[in-house]
């Protein structure tokens, strides 16, 4: 898991080009994100811009993905996202759905990540995360990066 400000984009060019590519898409297109929709970036990644509402505590489940890395960028509002290493998740709530690439857990998260406008978090397949734990709506851009089509 990585969390940072979009202003730090250049740092990631030497670490992982696929993260920099996702962040550059966000930085270049941020002014057009008033339209909530799916954006096709390339054959490895796509983005979804949407406004979401906080979940009530019983619905704040940890989730994990096998096929995609999530880059979650906050456009408006804020998000509180719980985190736990997937290896420590033991209580499956909903079995893995291959079509939606998601599994849910009842485990409690280890800590919260607070994201404000202009900040982002990157969640890898080993990062179980519980988004939408805040108290107000949040508009964000989520870039989905196919892990099978990148070189780590």
C-alpha atoms as a PDB file:
ATOM      1  CA  UNK A   1       0.000   0.000   0.000  1.00  0.00           C
ATOM      2  CA  UNK A   2       1.181   3.485  -0.866  1.00  0.00           C
ATOM      3  CA  UNK A   3      -0.430   6.775   0.116  1.00  0.00           C
ATOM      4  CA  UNK A   4       0.805  10.176  -1.027  1.00  0.00           C
ATOM      5  CA  UNK A   5      -0.057  13.524  -2.614  1.00  0.00           C
ATOM      6  CA  UNK A   6      -0.474  13.839  -6.390  1.00  0.00           C
ATOM      7  CA  UNK A   7       2.358  16.427  -6.294  1.00  0.00           C
ATOM      8  CA  UNK A   8       4.779  13.540  -5.635  1.00  0.00           C
ATOM      9  CA  UNK A   9       4.067  11.912  -9.000  1.00  0.00           C
ATOM     10  CA  UNK A  10       7.670  12.161 -10.256  1.00  0.00           C
ATOM     11  CA  UNK A  11       8.952  10.030  -7.393  1.00  0.00           C
ATOM     12  CA  UNK A  12       7.057   6.993  -8.714  1.00  0.00           C
ATOM     13  CA  UNK A  13       8.564   7.080 -12.211  1.00  0.00           C
ATOM     14  CA  UNK A  14      11.625   5.222 -10.933  1.00  0.00           C
ATOM     15  CA  UNK A  15       9.715   2.775  -8.757  1.00  0.00           C
ATOM     16  CA  UNK A  16       6.817   1.614 -10.905  1.00  0.00           C
ATOM     17  CA  UNK A  17       5.986   3.058 -14.288  1.00  0.00           C
ATOM     18  CA  UNK A  18       2.456   1.683 -14.129  1.00  0.00           C
ATOM     19  CA  UNK A  19       1.739   3.757 -10.992  1.00  0.00           C
ATOM     20  CA  UNK A  20       3.191   6.864 -12.607  1.00  0.00           C
ATOM     21  CA  UNK A  21       1.109   6.182 -15.725  1.00  0.00           C
ATOM     22  CA  UNK A  22      -2.083   5.987 -13.631  1.00  0.00           C
ATOM     23  CA  UNK A  23      -1.190   9.163 -11.712  1.00  0.00           C
ATOM     24  CA  UNK A  24      -0.349  11.030 -14.919  1.00  0.00           C
ATOM     25  CA  UNK A  25      -3.758  10.088 -16.320  1.00  0.00           C
ATOM     26  CA  UNK A  26      -5.354  11.569 -13.194  1.00  0.00           C
ATOM     27  CA  UNK A  27      -3.225  14.727 -13.253  1.00  0.00           C
ATOM     28  CA  UNK A  28      -3.831  15.391 -16.968  1.00  0.00           C
ATOM     29  CA  UNK A  29      -7.566  14.678 -16.873  1.00  0.00           C
ATOM     30  CA  UNK A  30      -8.517  16.056 -13.465  1.00  0.00           C
ATOM     31  CA  UNK A  31     -10.432  18.996 -14.943  1.00  0.00           C
ATOM     32  CA  UNK A  32     -12.652  16.647 -16.981  1.00  0.00           C
ATOM     33  CA  UNK A  33     -13.629  14.528 -13.985  1.00  0.00           C
ATOM     34  CA  UNK A  34     -16.859  16.496 -13.534  1.00  0.00           C
ATOM     35  CA  UNK A  35     -18.415  13.757 -15.651  1.00  0.00           C
ATOM     36  CA  UNK A  36     -18.818  10.554 -13.669  1.00  0.00           C
ATOM     37  CA  UNK A  37     -18.090   7.631 -15.963  1.00  0.00           C
ATOM     38  CA  UNK A  38     -15.629   4.922 -16.938  1.00  0.00           C
ATOM     39  CA  UNK A  39     -12.495   6.033 -18.821  1.00  0.00           C
ATOM     40  CA  UNK A  40     -10.487   3.592 -20.920  1.00  0.00           C
ATOM     41  CA  UNK A  41      -6.795   4.447 -20.442  1.00  0.00           C
ATOM     42  CA  UNK A  42      -5.045   1.608 -22.295  1.00  0.00           C
ATOM     43  CA  UNK A  43      -5.115  -2.198 -22.501  1.00  0.00           C
ATOM     44  CA  UNK A  44      -3.737  -2.489 -18.936  1.00  0.00           C
ATOM     45  CA  UNK A  45      -5.884  -0.004 -17.051  1.00  0.00           C
ATOM     46  CA  UNK A  46      -9.121   1.918 -16.849  1.00  0.00           C
ATOM     47  CA  UNK A  47     -10.558   4.522 -14.489  1.00  0.00           C
ATOM     48  CA  UNK A  48     -13.925   5.097 -12.883  1.00  0.00           C
ATOM     49  CA  UNK A  49     -14.964   8.508 -11.602  1.00  0.00           C
ATOM     50  CA  UNK A  50     -17.827   8.348  -9.137  1.00  0.00           C
ATOM     51  CA  UNK A  51     -19.362   9.898  -6.051  1.00  0.00           C
ATOM     52  CA  UNK A  52     -19.898   7.383  -3.265  1.00  0.00           C
ATOM     53  CA  UNK A  53     -21.591   7.623   0.086  1.00  0.00           C
ATOM     54  CA  UNK A  54     -20.197   6.390   3.388  1.00  0.00           C
ATOM     55  CA  UNK A  55     -21.093   2.904   4.505  1.00  0.00           C
ATOM     56  CA  UNK A  56     -22.618   2.236   7.896  1.00  0.00           C
ATOM     57  CA  UNK A  57     -20.242   0.383  10.265  1.00  0.00           C
ATOM     58  CA  UNK A  58     -21.792  -3.076   9.707  1.00  0.00           C
ATOM     59  CA  UNK A  59     -21.275  -2.621   5.942  1.00  0.00           C
ATOM     60  CA  UNK A  60     -17.653  -1.442   6.224  1.00  0.00           C
ATOM     61  CA  UNK A  61     -16.110  -4.725   5.082  1.00  0.00           C
ATOM     62  CA  UNK A  62     -12.539  -5.278   4.041  1.00  0.00           C
ATOM     63  CA  UNK A  63     -12.220  -6.113   0.356  1.00  0.00           C
ATOM     64  CA  UNK A  64      -9.372  -7.428  -1.766  1.00  0.00           C
ATOM     65  CA  UNK A  65      -8.728  -7.940  -5.463  1.00  0.00           C
ATOM     66  CA  UNK A  66      -6.635 -10.588  -7.222  1.00  0.00           C
ATOM     67  CA  UNK A  67      -6.493  -9.201 -10.761  1.00  0.00           C
ATOM     68  CA  UNK A  68      -6.292  -5.456 -10.195  1.00  0.00           C
ATOM     69  CA  UNK A  69      -4.324  -2.836  -8.305  1.00  0.00           C
ATOM     70  CA  UNK A  70      -6.495   0.081  -7.134  1.00  0.00           C
ATOM     71  CA  UNK A  71      -5.245   3.651  -7.311  1.00  0.00           C
ATOM     72  CA  UNK A  72      -7.825   5.706  -5.423  1.00  0.00           C
ATOM     73  CA  UNK A  73      -7.547   9.485  -5.884  1.00  0.00           C
ATOM     74  CA  UNK A  74      -9.755  11.928  -3.978  1.00  0.00           C
ATOM     75  CA  UNK A  75     -11.343  14.660  -6.106  1.00  0.00           C
ATOM     76  CA  UNK A  76     -13.851  16.138  -3.607  1.00  0.00           C
ATOM     77  CA  UNK A  77     -14.653  15.387   0.000  1.00  0.00           C
ATOM     78  CA  UNK A  78     -12.557  12.892   1.916  1.00  0.00           C
ATOM     79  CA  UNK A  79     -12.398   9.151   2.492  1.00  0.00           C
ATOM     80  CA  UNK A  80     -11.398   7.044   5.437  1.00  0.00           C
ATOM     81  CA  UNK A  81     -10.146   3.633   4.317  1.00  0.00           C
ATOM     82  CA  UNK A  82      -9.384   0.783   6.693  1.00  0.00           C
ATOM     83  CA  UNK A  83      -6.386  -1.466   5.915  1.00  0.00           C
ATOM     84  CA  UNK A  84      -5.198  -4.967   6.850  1.00  0.00           C
ATOM     85  CA  UNK A  85      -2.699  -7.310   5.220  1.00  0.00           C
ATOM     86  CA  UNK A  86      -4.610  -9.943   3.263  1.00  0.00           C
ATOM     87  CA  UNK A  87      -2.527 -12.720   4.879  1.00  0.00           C
ATOM     88  CA  UNK A  88      -4.119 -11.792   8.218  1.00  0.00           C
ATOM     89  CA  UNK A  89      -7.707 -11.864   6.958  1.00  0.00           C
ATOM     90  CA  UNK A  90      -9.384 -15.036   8.233  1.00  0.00           C
ATOM     91  CA  UNK A  91     -13.132 -14.328   8.325  1.00  0.00           C
ATOM     92  CA  UNK A  92     -14.531 -14.488   4.785  1.00  0.00           C
ATOM     93  CA  UNK A  93     -17.809 -12.574   4.512  1.00  0.00           C
ATOM     94  CA  UNK A  94     -18.411 -13.140   0.775  1.00  0.00           C
ATOM     95  CA  UNK A  95     -16.396 -15.600  -1.292  1.00  0.00           C
ATOM     96  CA  UNK A  96     -14.286 -14.388  -4.190  1.00  0.00           C
ATOM     97  CA  UNK A  97     -16.346 -13.269  -7.190  1.00  0.00           C
ATOM     98  CA  UNK A  98     -14.125 -13.794 -10.235  1.00  0.00           C
ATOM     99  CA  UNK A  99     -16.316 -11.664 -12.509  1.00  0.00           C
ATOM    100  CA  UNK A 100     -16.176  -8.658 -10.144  1.00  0.00           C
ATOM    101  CA  UNK A 101     -12.650  -9.504  -8.899  1.00  0.00           C
ATOM    102  CA  UNK A 102     -13.549  -9.021  -5.256  1.00  0.00           C
ATOM    103  CA  UNK A 103     -13.661 -10.889  -1.960  1.00  0.00           C
ATOM    104  CA  UNK A 104     -15.010  -9.476   1.323  1.00  0.00           C
ATOM    105  CA  UNK A 105     -13.902 -10.132   4.900  1.00  0.00           C
ATOM    106  CA  UNK A 106     -15.435  -9.560   8.339  1.00  0.00           C
ATOM    107  CA  UNK A 107     -12.023  -9.033   9.964  1.00  0.00           C
ATOM    108  CA  UNK A 108     -11.368  -5.703  11.673  1.00  0.00           C
ATOM    109  CA  UNK A 109      -8.897  -3.465   9.902  1.00  0.00           C
ATOM    110  CA  UNK A 110      -5.578  -2.663  11.598  1.00  0.00           C
ATOM    111  CA  UNK A 111      -5.564   1.081  10.894  1.00  0.00           C
ATOM    112  CA  UNK A 112      -7.290   3.863   8.955  1.00  0.00           C
ATOM    113  CA  UNK A 113      -5.966   5.917   6.066  1.00  0.00           C
ATOM    114  CA  UNK A 114      -7.370   9.449   5.744  1.00  0.00           C
ATOM    115  CA  UNK A 115      -7.428  10.801   2.197  1.00  0.00           C
ATOM    116  CA  UNK A 116      -8.253  14.414   1.344  1.00  0.00           C
ATOM    117  CA  UNK A 117      -8.583  16.072  -2.093  1.00  0.00           C
ATOM    118  CA  UNK A 118      -5.346  15.750  -4.053  1.00  0.00           C
ATOM    119  CA  UNK A 119      -4.175  12.630  -2.227  1.00  0.00           C
ATOM    120  CA  UNK A 120      -4.236   9.016  -3.321  1.00  0.00           C
ATOM    121  CA  UNK A 121      -3.701   5.481  -2.106  1.00  0.00           C
ATOM    122  CA  UNK A 122      -2.479   2.462  -4.069  1.00  0.00           C
ATOM    123  CA  UNK A 123      -3.815  -0.915  -2.963  1.00  0.00           C
ATOM    124  CA  UNK A 124      -2.053  -4.033  -4.238  1.00  0.00           C
ATOM    125  CA  UNK A 125      -3.617  -7.520  -4.194  1.00  0.00           C
ATOM    126  CA  UNK A 126      -2.164  -8.177  -0.722  1.00  0.00           C
ATOM    127  CA  UNK A 127      -3.858  -5.048   0.675  1.00  0.00           C
ATOM    128  CA  UNK A 128      -7.314  -5.696   2.099  1.00  0.00           C
ATOM    129  CA  UNK A 129      -9.042  -2.335   2.329  1.00  0.00           C
ATOM    130  CA  UNK A 130     -12.383  -0.989   3.549  1.00  0.00           C
ATOM    131  CA  UNK A 131     -13.262   2.202   1.659  1.00  0.00           C
ATOM    132  CA  UNK A 132     -16.052   4.626   2.504  1.00  0.00           C
ATOM    133  CA  UNK A 133     -15.625   4.605   6.279  1.00  0.00           C
ATOM    134  CA  UNK A 134     -15.934   8.401   6.493  1.00  0.00           C
ATOM    135  CA  UNK A 135     -19.020  10.436   7.316  1.00  0.00           C
ATOM    136  CA  UNK A 136     -19.648  12.387   4.091  1.00  0.00           C
ATOM    137  CA  UNK A 137     -19.871  11.652   0.350  1.00  0.00           C
ATOM    138  CA  UNK A 138     -16.605  11.439  -1.552  1.00  0.00           C
ATOM    139  CA  UNK A 139     -15.903  11.900  -5.246  1.00  0.00           C
ATOM    140  CA  UNK A 140     -12.936   9.926  -6.424  1.00  0.00           C
ATOM    141  CA  UNK A 141     -11.171   8.546  -9.439  1.00  0.00           C
ATOM    142  CA  UNK A 142     -10.296   4.868  -9.106  1.00  0.00           C
ATOM    143  CA  UNK A 143      -7.764   3.583 -11.613  1.00  0.00           C
ATOM    144  CA  UNK A 144      -7.812  -0.209 -11.981  1.00  0.00           C
ATOM    145  CA  UNK A 145      -4.470  -1.660 -13.146  1.00  0.00           C
ATOM    146  CA  UNK A 146      -4.440  -5.261 -14.396  1.00  0.00           C
ATOM    147  CA  UNK A 147      -1.600  -6.996 -12.520  1.00  0.00           C
ATOM    148  CA  UNK A 148      -1.298  -9.688 -15.185  1.00  0.00           C
ATOM    149  CA  UNK A 149      -0.365  -7.119 -17.814  1.00  0.00           C
ATOM    150  CA  UNK A 150       2.377  -5.242 -15.990  1.00  0.00           C
ATOM    151  CA  UNK A 151       5.911  -6.038 -14.997  1.00  0.00           C
ATOM    152  CA  UNK A 152       6.553  -5.501 -11.304  1.00  0.00           C
END
